Amino acid sequence: MQNKEMRLRRIQHLAHEIMDEMNRGNQPRQCETLQLTIDNLSRAIGDLVDPHGHFSLDYIEDKVGKAHYLLFKNEKKVKLHT
């Protein structure tokens, strides 16, 4: 259970970094990058809010990690689990 909690905290941290970066707005972004970022985050949220409570933590990590990478272009930051 602790591993799951740690993974969720890491996802939450990445999501907060994405939010902060999007709200900072000091660097213009290409529309395609923003669309892909939103798409990945939407897919992660869609999986997480399954009414039956079934979700794939691997899938959510992948989608939030991809969204984070699109904004920061830093592969090391998206290595969520080994």
Protein backbone atom coordinates (compact mmCIF):
# COMPACT_ATOMS: atom_id res chain seq x y z
CA MET A 1 0.00 0.00 0.00
CA GLN A 2 2.83 2.38 0.77
CA ASN A 3 4.18 1.95 -2.75
CA LYS A 4 0.78 2.89 -4.21
CA GLU A 5 0.63 5.95 -1.97
CA MET A 6 4.13 6.99 -3.02
CA ARG A 7 3.21 6.59 -6.69
CA LEU A 8 0.06 8.67 -6.22
CA ARG A 9 2.07 11.39 -4.43
CA ARG A 10 4.53 11.46 -7.34
CA ILE A 11 1.67 11.79 -9.83
CA GLN A 12 0.18 14.57 -7.71
CA HIS A 13 3.54 16.36 -7.63
CA LEU A 14 3.86 16.20 -11.43
CA ALA A 15 0.30 17.46 -11.84
CA HIS A 16 1.05 20.43 -9.56
CA GLU A 17 4.19 21.24 -11.54
CA ILE A 18 2.15 21.13 -14.76
CA MET A 19 -0.48 23.43 -13.25
CA ASP A 20 2.15 25.90 -12.04
CA GLU A 21 3.88 25.93 -15.42
CA MET A 22 0.62 26.45 -17.30
CA ASN A 23 -0.39 29.32 -15.01
CA ARG A 24 2.99 31.01 -15.17
CA GLY A 25 2.42 31.80 -18.82
CA ASN A 26 5.70 33.58 -19.40
CA GLN A 27 6.68 31.32 -22.29
CA PRO A 28 4.40 30.93 -25.30
CA ARG A 29 3.58 27.31 -26.15
CA GLN A 30 2.67 25.75 -29.43
CA CYS A 31 -1.01 24.92 -29.68
CA GLU A 32 -0.20 21.30 -30.58
CA THR A 33 1.87 20.87 -27.41
CA LEU A 34 -0.95 22.24 -25.29
CA GLN A 35 -3.52 20.02 -26.99
CA LEU A 36 -1.41 16.91 -26.40
CA THR A 37 -0.79 17.92 -22.78
CA ILE A 38 -4.52 18.36 -22.16
CA ASP A 39 -5.29 15.10 -23.97
CA ASN A 40 -2.90 13.13 -21.75
CA LEU A 41 -4.23 14.72 -18.57
CA SER A 42 -7.84 14.14 -19.63
CA ARG A 43 -7.15 10.48 -20.31
CA ALA A 44 -5.51 10.10 -16.88
CA ILE A 45 -8.47 11.73 -15.15
CA GLY A 46 -10.93 9.69 -17.19
CA ASP A 47 -9.28 6.48 -16.05
CA LEU A 48 -9.04 7.62 -12.43
CA VAL A 49 -12.72 8.49 -12.07
CA ASP A 50 -14.04 5.13 -13.24
CA PRO A 51 -17.38 4.73 -11.41
CA HIS A 52 -16.48 1.17 -10.45
CA GLY A 53 -13.19 2.26 -8.89
CA HIS A 54 -11.09 0.28 -11.36
CA PHE A 55 -8.11 2.21 -12.66
CA SER A 56 -4.61 1.47 -13.78
CA LEU A 57 -1.97 3.33 -11.84
CA ASP A 58 0.52 2.48 -14.59
CA TYR A 59 -1.77 4.10 -17.19
CA ILE A 60 -2.27 7.23 -15.07
CA GLU A 61 1.47 7.52 -14.43
CA ASP A 62 2.14 7.17 -18.14
CA LYS A 63 -0.35 9.86 -19.17
CA VAL A 64 0.62 12.39 -16.50
CA GLY A 65 4.30 11.68 -17.20
CA LYS A 66 3.80 12.32 -20.91
CA ALA A 67 1.95 15.57 -20.19
CA HIS A 68 4.78 16.66 -17.89
CA TYR A 69 7.40 15.78 -20.48
CA LEU A 70 5.59 17.78 -23.17
CA LEU A 71 5.87 20.91 -21.06
CA PHE A 72 9.28 20.45 -19.49
CA LYS A 73 11.12 18.23 -22.01
CA ASN A 74 12.90 16.54 -19.12
CA GLU A 75 12.78 12.76 -19.35
CA LYS A 76 14.43 12.20 -15.98
CA LYS A 77 11.52 13.84 -14.17
CA VAL A 78 8.97 11.44 -15.65
CA LYS A 79 10.63 8.23 -14.51
CA LEU A 80 7.87 7.33 -12.07
CA HIS A 81 8.60 3.74 -11.18
CA THR A 82 11.21 1.13 -11.92
